[in-house]
Amino acid sequence: MREELLAIVERNSRIDLKELAVILGVEEIDVVNELAALEAEGIICGYHTMIDWEKTSIEKVSALIEVRVTPQRGQGFDNIAERIYKYPEVTSVYLISGGYDLLVTLEGKSLKEISGFVTDKLSTLESVLSTATHFILKKYKDHGTILTKKYEDTREKVTP
């Protein structure tokens, strides 16, 4: 039940508990108890609402920042990753393979604000060797959800 429960709530955290119990073939109280256990164990870490900011009047810019760092003896990348993820602008930090060590996603009100964060805060941290900034221009799919509709030709057909 646990694996199926996790797969369902990852796709839709707002699913009704009664509906979830029916899908899983268990009692609603079993679902409630299992969710509580998953939260207590730190397996379920939070519940999020995904917003397509392009459809609002709120100005928001997102960027992916690749960061190359010098790992610290005995701590590897954990200490510098923690210093980075504590900034409120930072939405996620990942340890990655390849030419860079960390992938940082952040949000700001403008390109200038994000550039300022990278220049004034991120690049000045001890152990940061270099960064590469990639601004997100358009999101097509985010967290498994398709955000754009397929193009449909709305022109009228002309027949002789």
C-alpha atoms as a PDB file:
ATOM      1  CA  MET A   1       0.000   0.000   0.000  1.00  0.00           C
ATOM      2  CA  ARG A   2       2.807   2.417   0.900  1.00  0.00           C
ATOM      3  CA  GLU A   3       4.359   2.620  -2.564  1.00  0.00           C
ATOM      4  CA  GLU A   4       1.017   3.075  -4.318  1.00  0.00           C
ATOM      5  CA  LEU A   5      -0.071   5.669  -1.740  1.00  0.00           C
ATOM      6  CA  LEU A   6       3.111   7.676  -2.276  1.00  0.00           C
ATOM      7  CA  ALA A   7       2.716   7.565  -6.064  1.00  0.00           C
ATOM      8  CA  ILE A   8      -0.866   8.838  -5.841  1.00  0.00           C
ATOM      9  CA  VAL A   9      -0.253  11.695  -3.379  1.00  0.00           C
ATOM     10  CA  GLU A  10       2.851  12.778  -5.285  1.00  0.00           C
ATOM     11  CA  ARG A  11       0.659  13.389  -8.343  1.00  0.00           C
ATOM     12  CA  ASN A  12      -2.277  14.867  -6.402  1.00  0.00           C
ATOM     13  CA  SER A  13      -1.744  15.870  -2.779  1.00  0.00           C
ATOM     14  CA  ARG A  14      -5.300  17.238  -2.586  1.00  0.00           C
ATOM     15  CA  ILE A  15      -6.959  13.914  -3.284  1.00  0.00           C
ATOM     16  CA  ASP A  16      -9.877  13.202  -0.973  1.00  0.00           C
ATOM     17  CA  LEU A  17      -8.983  10.677   1.741  1.00  0.00           C
ATOM     18  CA  LYS A  18     -12.158   8.674   1.107  1.00  0.00           C
ATOM     19  CA  GLU A  19     -11.328   8.439  -2.601  1.00  0.00           C
ATOM     20  CA  LEU A  20      -7.775   7.432  -1.755  1.00  0.00           C
ATOM     21  CA  ALA A  21      -9.038   4.670   0.551  1.00  0.00           C
ATOM     22  CA  VAL A  22     -11.303   3.339  -2.219  1.00  0.00           C
ATOM     23  CA  ILE A  23      -8.458   3.351  -4.759  1.00  0.00           C
ATOM     24  CA  LEU A  24      -6.172   1.512  -2.325  1.00  0.00           C
ATOM     25  CA  GLY A  25      -8.900  -0.858  -1.135  1.00  0.00           C
ATOM     26  CA  VAL A  26      -8.446   0.004   2.551  1.00  0.00           C
ATOM     27  CA  GLU A  27     -10.294   1.892   5.277  1.00  0.00           C
ATOM     28  CA  GLU A  28      -9.992   5.678   5.430  1.00  0.00           C
ATOM     29  CA  ILE A  29      -8.435   5.474   8.927  1.00  0.00           C
ATOM     30  CA  ASP A  30      -5.668   3.266   7.490  1.00  0.00           C
ATOM     31  CA  VAL A  31      -4.890   5.967   4.920  1.00  0.00           C
ATOM     32  CA  VAL A  32      -4.850   8.677   7.613  1.00  0.00           C
ATOM     33  CA  ASN A  33      -2.526   6.597   9.811  1.00  0.00           C
ATOM     34  CA  GLU A  34      -0.192   5.727   6.945  1.00  0.00           C
ATOM     35  CA  LEU A  35       0.061   9.366   5.820  1.00  0.00           C
ATOM     36  CA  ALA A  36       0.826  10.411   9.408  1.00  0.00           C
ATOM     37  CA  ALA A  37       3.521   7.729   9.635  1.00  0.00           C
ATOM     38  CA  LEU A  38       5.047   8.807   6.299  1.00  0.00           C
ATOM     39  CA  GLU A  39       5.141  12.415   7.504  1.00  0.00           C
ATOM     40  CA  ALA A  40       6.650  11.426  10.886  1.00  0.00           C
ATOM     41  CA  GLU A  41       9.361   9.382   9.127  1.00  0.00           C
ATOM     42  CA  GLY A  42      10.234  12.355   6.898  1.00  0.00           C
ATOM     43  CA  ILE A  43       9.291  10.458   3.746  1.00  0.00           C
ATOM     44  CA  ILE A  44       6.535  12.960   2.945  1.00  0.00           C
ATOM     45  CA  CYS A  45       8.374  16.246   3.386  1.00  0.00           C
ATOM     46  CA  GLY A  46       5.653  18.713   2.416  1.00  0.00           C
ATOM     47  CA  TYR A  47       2.709  19.510   0.180  1.00  0.00           C
ATOM     48  CA  HIS A  48       2.960  22.085  -2.586  1.00  0.00           C
ATOM     49  CA  THR A  49       0.735  24.019  -4.933  1.00  0.00           C
ATOM     50  CA  MET A  50       2.059  24.515  -8.450  1.00  0.00           C
ATOM     51  CA  ILE A  51       1.277  27.916  -9.978  1.00  0.00           C
ATOM     52  CA  ASP A  52       1.722  28.966 -13.595  1.00  0.00           C
ATOM     53  CA  TRP A  53       3.049  32.470 -12.869  1.00  0.00           C
ATOM     54  CA  GLU A  54       2.885  33.408 -16.557  1.00  0.00           C
ATOM     55  CA  LYS A  55      -0.912  33.478 -16.244  1.00  0.00           C
ATOM     56  CA  THR A  56      -0.814  36.032 -13.421  1.00  0.00           C
ATOM     57  CA  SER A  57       0.128  39.691 -13.365  1.00  0.00           C
ATOM     58  CA  ILE A  58       2.918  38.977 -10.867  1.00  0.00           C
ATOM     59  CA  GLU A  59       6.433  39.476 -12.206  1.00  0.00           C
ATOM     60  CA  LYS A  60       8.584  36.454 -11.434  1.00  0.00           C
ATOM     61  CA  VAL A  61      11.815  35.233 -12.995  1.00  0.00           C
ATOM     62  CA  SER A  62      13.295  31.789 -12.431  1.00  0.00           C
ATOM     63  CA  ALA A  63      16.837  30.642 -13.093  1.00  0.00           C
ATOM     64  CA  LEU A  64      18.974  27.540 -12.904  1.00  0.00           C
ATOM     65  CA  ILE A  65      22.461  28.199 -11.582  1.00  0.00           C
ATOM     66  CA  GLU A  66      25.200  25.636 -12.042  1.00  0.00           C
ATOM     67  CA  VAL A  67      27.782  25.960  -9.282  1.00  0.00           C
ATOM     68  CA  ARG A  68      31.286  24.480  -9.155  1.00  0.00           C
ATOM     69  CA  VAL A  69      32.645  24.259  -5.614  1.00  0.00           C
ATOM     70  CA  THR A  70      35.579  22.889  -3.660  1.00  0.00           C
ATOM     71  CA  PRO A  71      34.240  20.129  -1.409  1.00  0.00           C
ATOM     72  CA  GLN A  72      35.222  20.470   2.248  1.00  0.00           C
ATOM     73  CA  ARG A  73      37.179  17.741   3.961  1.00  0.00           C
ATOM     74  CA  GLY A  74      34.910  15.478   5.968  1.00  0.00           C
ATOM     75  CA  GLN A  75      31.728  17.266   4.833  1.00  0.00           C
ATOM     76  CA  GLY A  76      31.886  17.016   1.058  1.00  0.00           C
ATOM     77  CA  PHE A  77      29.278  19.300  -0.483  1.00  0.00           C
ATOM     78  CA  ASP A  78      26.786  19.324   2.400  1.00  0.00           C
ATOM     79  CA  ASN A  79      28.051  22.432   4.207  1.00  0.00           C
ATOM     80  CA  ILE A  80      28.135  24.683   1.134  1.00  0.00           C
ATOM     81  CA  ALA A  81      24.783  23.305  -0.073  1.00  0.00           C
ATOM     82  CA  GLU A  82      23.268  24.192   3.309  1.00  0.00           C
ATOM     83  CA  ARG A  83      24.656  27.727   3.158  1.00  0.00           C
ATOM     84  CA  ILE A  84      23.111  28.156  -0.284  1.00  0.00           C
ATOM     85  CA  TYR A  85      19.673  26.682   0.447  1.00  0.00           C
ATOM     86  CA  LYS A  86      19.197  28.955   3.457  1.00  0.00           C
ATOM     87  CA  TYR A  87      18.805  31.996   1.186  1.00  0.00           C
ATOM     88  CA  PRO A  88      15.075  32.742   0.718  1.00  0.00           C
ATOM     89  CA  GLU A  89      15.505  33.295  -3.043  1.00  0.00           C
ATOM     90  CA  VAL A  90      16.702  29.709  -3.463  1.00  0.00           C
ATOM     91  CA  THR A  91      13.912  27.217  -4.199  1.00  0.00           C
ATOM     92  CA  SER A  92      16.044  24.077  -4.560  1.00  0.00           C
ATOM     93  CA  VAL A  93      19.612  22.779  -4.468  1.00  0.00           C
ATOM     94  CA  TYR A  94      20.762  19.507  -6.015  1.00  0.00           C
ATOM     95  CA  LEU A  95      24.110  17.699  -6.025  1.00  0.00           C
ATOM     96  CA  ILE A  96      24.654  16.770  -9.665  1.00  0.00           C
ATOM     97  CA  SER A  97      27.102  14.874 -11.836  1.00  0.00           C
ATOM     98  CA  GLY A  98      29.038  16.442 -14.689  1.00  0.00           C
ATOM     99  CA  GLY A  99      31.081  19.618 -15.022  1.00  0.00           C
ATOM    100  CA  TYR A 100      29.381  21.361 -12.103  1.00  0.00           C
ATOM    101  CA  ASP A 101      28.678  20.138  -8.582  1.00  0.00           C
ATOM    102  CA  LEU A 102      25.426  21.829  -7.569  1.00  0.00           C
ATOM    103  CA  LEU A 103      22.315  22.920  -9.443  1.00  0.00           C
ATOM    104  CA  VAL A 104      20.537  25.790  -7.698  1.00  0.00           C
ATOM    105  CA  THR A 105      17.104  27.043  -8.705  1.00  0.00           C
ATOM    106  CA  LEU A 106      15.990  30.450  -7.565  1.00  0.00           C
ATOM    107  CA  GLU A 107      13.291  33.014  -8.127  1.00  0.00           C
ATOM    108  CA  GLY A 108      13.350  36.782  -8.216  1.00  0.00           C
ATOM    109  CA  LYS A 109      11.374  39.731  -9.526  1.00  0.00           C
ATOM    110  CA  SER A 110      13.744  40.487 -12.409  1.00  0.00           C
ATOM    111  CA  LEU A 111      16.779  39.309 -14.343  1.00  0.00           C
ATOM    112  CA  LYS A 112      18.765  42.026 -12.572  1.00  0.00           C
ATOM    113  CA  GLU A 113      17.713  40.755  -9.139  1.00  0.00           C
ATOM    114  CA  ILE A 114      18.807  37.203  -9.945  1.00  0.00           C
ATOM    115  CA  SER A 115      22.063  38.390 -11.495  1.00  0.00           C
ATOM    116  CA  GLY A 116      22.715  40.453  -8.371  1.00  0.00           C
ATOM    117  CA  PHE A 117      22.129  37.418  -6.153  1.00  0.00           C
ATOM    118  CA  VAL A 118      24.601  35.344  -8.162  1.00  0.00           C
ATOM    119  CA  THR A 119      27.228  38.105  -8.210  1.00  0.00           C
ATOM    120  CA  ASP A 120      26.848  39.477  -4.682  1.00  0.00           C
ATOM    121  CA  LYS A 121      25.940  36.389  -2.662  1.00  0.00           C
ATOM    122  CA  LEU A 122      26.527  33.109  -4.437  1.00  0.00           C
ATOM    123  CA  SER A 123      29.824  33.864  -6.159  1.00  0.00           C
ATOM    124  CA  THR A 124      31.301  35.397  -3.009  1.00  0.00           C
ATOM    125  CA  LEU A 125      30.782  32.281  -0.867  1.00  0.00           C
ATOM    126  CA  GLU A 126      33.942  30.544   0.212  1.00  0.00           C
ATOM    127  CA  SER A 127      34.482  27.347  -1.806  1.00  0.00           C
ATOM    128  CA  VAL A 128      32.463  28.544  -4.826  1.00  0.00           C
ATOM    129  CA  LEU A 129      34.802  28.349  -7.814  1.00  0.00           C
ATOM    130  CA  SER A 130      32.447  29.323 -10.647  1.00  0.00           C
ATOM    131  CA  THR A 131      28.811  29.632 -11.688  1.00  0.00           C
ATOM    132  CA  ALA A 132      26.779  29.475 -14.894  1.00  0.00           C
ATOM    133  CA  THR A 133      23.338  31.101 -14.970  1.00  0.00           C
ATOM    134  CA  HIS A 134      20.466  29.887 -17.151  1.00  0.00           C
ATOM    135  CA  PHE A 135      17.246  31.913 -17.075  1.00  0.00           C
ATOM    136  CA  ILE A 136      14.038  29.955 -17.540  1.00  0.00           C
ATOM    137  CA  LEU A 137      12.208  31.587 -20.419  1.00  0.00           C
ATOM    138  CA  LYS A 138       9.176  29.296 -20.557  1.00  0.00           C
ATOM    139  CA  LYS A 139       8.031  26.220 -18.671  1.00  0.00           C
ATOM    140  CA  TYR A 140       6.403  23.483 -20.700  1.00  0.00           C
ATOM    141  CA  LYS A 141       6.182  20.845 -17.974  1.00  0.00           C
ATOM    142  CA  ASP A 142       6.882  21.204 -14.269  1.00  0.00           C
ATOM    143  CA  HIS A 143       6.732  18.509 -11.572  1.00  0.00           C
ATOM    144  CA  GLY A 144       5.006  16.158 -14.021  1.00  0.00           C
ATOM    145  CA  THR A 145       2.326  18.680 -14.996  1.00  0.00           C
ATOM    146  CA  ILE A 146       2.075  19.965 -18.568  1.00  0.00           C
ATOM    147  CA  LEU A 147       1.678  23.738 -18.444  1.00  0.00           C
ATOM    148  CA  THR A 148       1.178  24.529 -22.123  1.00  0.00           C
ATOM    149  CA  LYS A 149      -1.572  23.380 -24.396  1.00  0.00           C
ATOM    150  CA  LYS A 150      -0.741  21.734 -27.678  1.00  0.00           C
ATOM    151  CA  TYR A 151      -0.951  24.155 -30.590  1.00  0.00           C
ATOM    152  CA  GLU A 152      -4.221  23.827 -32.446  1.00  0.00           C
ATOM    153  CA  ASP A 153      -4.697  25.303 -35.875  1.00  0.00           C
ATOM    154  CA  THR A 154      -7.788  27.512 -35.529  1.00  0.00           C
ATOM    155  CA  ARG A 155      -7.819  28.713 -39.137  1.00  0.00           C
ATOM    156  CA  GLU A 156     -10.950  27.969 -41.126  1.00  0.00           C
ATOM    157  CA  LYS A 157     -10.595  25.423 -43.910  1.00  0.00           C
ATOM    158  CA  VAL A 158     -11.172  26.864 -47.329  1.00  0.00           C
ATOM    159  CA  THR A 159     -12.514  24.437 -49.900  1.00  0.00           C
ATOM    160  CA  PRO A 160     -13.247  25.291 -53.543  1.00  0.00           C
END
